Amino acid sequence: MTTRTEQIAETAATKEGMNIRLWVLAGVVAGLLLFVQALMTFVMTSAAAKMDSYSKGLSEVLTAVQVMNARNEALTQRVAELEKAKAEANTVHSNIDIRLRSVEQRAAIHDQYMTSNK
């Protein structure tokens, strides 16, 4: 009976040792999973912070671009207005030049008439 009792005791000790090993292995796996989860949380938080920073930077750039576009539109409109005013000034200048030549011609004809009728 001793041998049978020893066998049963040895089998029970082996099973208990296996159970302890399984619990230790399960604890190590759970610890590793928690570590991986913490690492992934840190990585995702860091990535979110970087994305927020980039988003703010892009927002500032977009605002600057919108301001530049508004300025460019205002300058383009101003240039168009100045070109229109220049065309109008050229027309007025041309009309004045034509009238001046007409007056000069009349004065020349008048002078010629006056000199010939002295």
C-alpha atoms as a PDB file:
ATOM      1  CA  MET A   1       0.000   0.000   0.000  1.00  0.00           C
ATOM      2  CA  THR A   2       2.801   2.284   0.511  1.00  0.00           C
ATOM      3  CA  THR A   3       3.645   2.144  -3.085  1.00  0.00           C
ATOM      4  CA  ARG A   4       0.081   2.845  -4.061  1.00  0.00           C
ATOM      5  CA  THR A   5      -0.095   5.704  -1.556  1.00  0.00           C
ATOM      6  CA  GLU A   6       3.240   6.987  -2.747  1.00  0.00           C
ATOM      7  CA  GLN A   7       2.032   6.857  -6.347  1.00  0.00           C
ATOM      8  CA  ILE A   8      -1.135   8.733  -5.459  1.00  0.00           C
ATOM      9  CA  ALA A   9       0.858  11.285  -3.481  1.00  0.00           C
ATOM     10  CA  GLU A  10       3.347  11.651  -6.315  1.00  0.00           C
ATOM     11  CA  THR A  11       0.533  12.054  -8.851  1.00  0.00           C
ATOM     12  CA  ALA A  12      -1.185  14.620  -6.621  1.00  0.00           C
ATOM     13  CA  ALA A  13       2.094  16.514  -6.187  1.00  0.00           C
ATOM     14  CA  THR A  14       2.678  16.451  -9.928  1.00  0.00           C
ATOM     15  CA  LYS A  15      -0.860  17.751 -10.579  1.00  0.00           C
ATOM     16  CA  GLU A  16      -0.433  20.435  -7.944  1.00  0.00           C
ATOM     17  CA  GLY A  17       2.915  21.427  -9.464  1.00  0.00           C
ATOM     18  CA  MET A  18       1.283  21.591 -12.887  1.00  0.00           C
ATOM     19  CA  ASN A  19      -1.553  23.717 -11.478  1.00  0.00           C
ATOM     20  CA  ILE A  20       0.950  26.084  -9.890  1.00  0.00           C
ATOM     21  CA  ARG A  21       2.880  26.322 -13.155  1.00  0.00           C
ATOM     22  CA  LEU A  22      -0.348  27.003 -15.067  1.00  0.00           C
ATOM     23  CA  TRP A  23      -1.359  29.739 -12.606  1.00  0.00           C
ATOM     24  CA  VAL A  24       2.112  31.288 -12.802  1.00  0.00           C
ATOM     25  CA  LEU A  25       1.992  31.111 -16.608  1.00  0.00           C
ATOM     26  CA  ALA A  26      -1.501  32.654 -16.604  1.00  0.00           C
ATOM     27  CA  GLY A  27      -0.258  35.426 -14.308  1.00  0.00           C
ATOM     28  CA  VAL A  28       2.736  36.112 -16.561  1.00  0.00           C
ATOM     29  CA  VAL A  29       0.497  36.192 -19.651  1.00  0.00           C
ATOM     30  CA  ALA A  30      -1.967  38.515 -17.875  1.00  0.00           C
ATOM     31  CA  GLY A  31       0.917  40.766 -16.807  1.00  0.00           C
ATOM     32  CA  LEU A  32       2.240  40.856 -20.359  1.00  0.00           C
ATOM     33  CA  LEU A  33      -1.228  41.681 -21.675  1.00  0.00           C
ATOM     34  CA  LEU A  34      -1.558  44.523 -19.178  1.00  0.00           C
ATOM     35  CA  PHE A  35       1.895  45.789 -20.153  1.00  0.00           C
ATOM     36  CA  VAL A  36       1.008  45.661 -23.856  1.00  0.00           C
ATOM     37  CA  GLN A  37      -2.289  47.422 -23.154  1.00  0.00           C
ATOM     38  CA  ALA A  38      -0.507  50.158 -21.197  1.00  0.00           C
ATOM     39  CA  LEU A  39       2.076  50.516 -23.963  1.00  0.00           C
ATOM     40  CA  MET A  40      -0.620  50.771 -26.644  1.00  0.00           C
ATOM     41  CA  THR A  41      -2.520  53.331 -24.551  1.00  0.00           C
ATOM     42  CA  PHE A  42       0.650  55.398 -24.222  1.00  0.00           C
ATOM     43  CA  VAL A  43       1.362  55.160 -27.954  1.00  0.00           C
ATOM     44  CA  MET A  44      -2.199  56.124 -28.875  1.00  0.00           C
ATOM     45  CA  THR A  45      -2.203  59.032 -26.410  1.00  0.00           C
ATOM     46  CA  SER A  46       1.099  60.256 -27.797  1.00  0.00           C
ATOM     47  CA  ALA A  47      -0.176  59.942 -31.367  1.00  0.00           C
ATOM     48  CA  ALA A  48      -3.375  61.806 -30.438  1.00  0.00           C
ATOM     49  CA  ALA A  49      -1.337  64.623 -28.892  1.00  0.00           C
ATOM     50  CA  LYS A  50       0.801  64.872 -32.022  1.00  0.00           C
ATOM     51  CA  MET A  51      -2.289  64.848 -34.237  1.00  0.00           C
ATOM     52  CA  ASP A  52      -3.813  67.615 -32.117  1.00  0.00           C
ATOM     53  CA  SER A  53      -0.623  69.632 -32.468  1.00  0.00           C
ATOM     54  CA  TYR A  54      -0.547  69.089 -36.231  1.00  0.00           C
ATOM     55  CA  SER A  55      -4.238  69.966 -36.434  1.00  0.00           C
ATOM     56  CA  LYS A  56      -3.625  73.266 -34.653  1.00  0.00           C
ATOM     57  CA  GLY A  57      -0.679  73.982 -36.938  1.00  0.00           C
ATOM     58  CA  LEU A  58      -2.743  73.200 -40.026  1.00  0.00           C
ATOM     59  CA  SER A  59      -5.549  75.387 -38.714  1.00  0.00           C
ATOM     60  CA  GLU A  60      -3.120  78.290 -38.293  1.00  0.00           C
ATOM     61  CA  VAL A  61      -1.718  77.715 -41.780  1.00  0.00           C
ATOM     62  CA  LEU A  62      -5.219  77.549 -43.221  1.00  0.00           C
ATOM     63  CA  THR A  63      -6.122  80.816 -41.505  1.00  0.00           C
ATOM     64  CA  ALA A  64      -2.963  82.447 -42.847  1.00  0.00           C
ATOM     65  CA  VAL A  65      -3.746  81.169 -46.350  1.00  0.00           C
ATOM     66  CA  GLN A  66      -7.298  82.499 -46.130  1.00  0.00           C
ATOM     67  CA  VAL A  67      -5.983  85.909 -45.057  1.00  0.00           C
ATOM     68  CA  MET A  68      -3.483  85.877 -47.933  1.00  0.00           C
ATOM     69  CA  ASN A  69      -6.242  84.934 -50.381  1.00  0.00           C
ATOM     70  CA  ALA A  70      -8.429  87.783 -49.112  1.00  0.00           C
ATOM     71  CA  ARG A  71      -5.521  90.213 -49.500  1.00  0.00           C
ATOM     72  CA  ASN A  72      -4.799  88.913 -52.992  1.00  0.00           C
ATOM     73  CA  GLU A  73      -8.448  89.310 -53.967  1.00  0.00           C
ATOM     74  CA  ALA A  74      -8.476  92.878 -52.618  1.00  0.00           C
ATOM     75  CA  LEU A  75      -5.264  93.689 -54.484  1.00  0.00           C
ATOM     76  CA  THR A  76      -6.604  92.125 -57.679  1.00  0.00           C
ATOM     77  CA  GLN A  77      -9.770  94.194 -57.364  1.00  0.00           C
ATOM     78  CA  ARG A  78      -7.721  97.340 -56.711  1.00  0.00           C
ATOM     79  CA  VAL A  79      -5.533  96.640 -59.763  1.00  0.00           C
ATOM     80  CA  ALA A  80      -8.661  96.162 -61.887  1.00  0.00           C
ATOM     81  CA  GLU A  81     -10.048  99.466 -60.615  1.00  0.00           C
ATOM     82  CA  LEU A  82      -6.753 101.218 -61.371  1.00  0.00           C
ATOM     83  CA  GLU A  83      -6.636  99.712 -64.871  1.00  0.00           C
ATOM     84  CA  LYS A  84     -10.186 100.939 -65.473  1.00  0.00           C
ATOM     85  CA  ALA A  85      -9.274 104.414 -64.190  1.00  0.00           C
ATOM     86  CA  LYS A  86      -6.175 104.392 -66.408  1.00  0.00           C
ATOM     87  CA  ALA A  87      -8.280 103.537 -69.455  1.00  0.00           C
ATOM     88  CA  GLU A  88     -10.722 106.326 -68.594  1.00  0.00           C
ATOM     89  CA  ALA A  89      -7.836 108.763 -68.097  1.00  0.00           C
ATOM     90  CA  ASN A  90      -6.379 107.760 -71.464  1.00  0.00           C
ATOM     91  CA  THR A  91      -9.747 108.379 -73.108  1.00  0.00           C
ATOM     92  CA  VAL A  92     -10.082 111.798 -71.457  1.00  0.00           C
ATOM     93  CA  HIS A  93      -6.484 112.650 -72.386  1.00  0.00           C
ATOM     94  CA  SER A  94      -7.119 111.609 -75.978  1.00  0.00           C
ATOM     95  CA  ASN A  95     -10.266 113.766 -76.139  1.00  0.00           C
ATOM     96  CA  ILE A  96      -8.435 116.747 -74.637  1.00  0.00           C
ATOM     97  CA  ASP A  97      -5.549 116.220 -77.065  1.00  0.00           C
ATOM     98  CA  ILE A  98      -7.971 116.186 -80.017  1.00  0.00           C
ATOM     99  CA  ARG A  99      -9.659 119.366 -78.782  1.00  0.00           C
ATOM    100  CA  LEU A 100      -6.297 121.044 -78.209  1.00  0.00           C
ATOM    101  CA  ARG A 101      -5.165 120.200 -81.734  1.00  0.00           C
ATOM    102  CA  SER A 102      -8.473 121.539 -83.034  1.00  0.00           C
ATOM    103  CA  VAL A 103      -7.999 124.763 -81.061  1.00  0.00           C
ATOM    104  CA  GLU A 104      -4.380 125.030 -82.283  1.00  0.00           C
ATOM    105  CA  GLN A 105      -5.550 124.538 -85.861  1.00  0.00           C
ATOM    106  CA  ARG A 106      -8.214 127.182 -85.426  1.00  0.00           C
ATOM    107  CA  ALA A 107      -5.679 129.558 -83.894  1.00  0.00           C
ATOM    108  CA  ALA A 108      -3.274 128.875 -86.768  1.00  0.00           C
ATOM    109  CA  ILE A 109      -6.020 129.483 -89.313  1.00  0.00           C
ATOM    110  CA  HIS A 110      -7.012 132.638 -87.466  1.00  0.00           C
ATOM    111  CA  ASP A 111      -3.377 133.843 -87.381  1.00  0.00           C
ATOM    112  CA  GLN A 112      -2.985 133.077 -91.060  1.00  0.00           C
ATOM    113  CA  TYR A 113      -6.180 134.922 -91.853  1.00  0.00           C
ATOM    114  CA  MET A 114      -5.134 137.886 -89.752  1.00  0.00           C
ATOM    115  CA  THR A 115      -1.698 138.084 -91.352  1.00  0.00           C
ATOM    116  CA  SER A 116      -3.105 137.808 -94.829  1.00  0.00           C
ATOM    117  CA  ASN A 117      -5.780 140.447 -94.190  1.00  0.00           C
ATOM    118  CA  LYS A 118      -3.578 143.121 -92.679  1.00  0.00           C
END
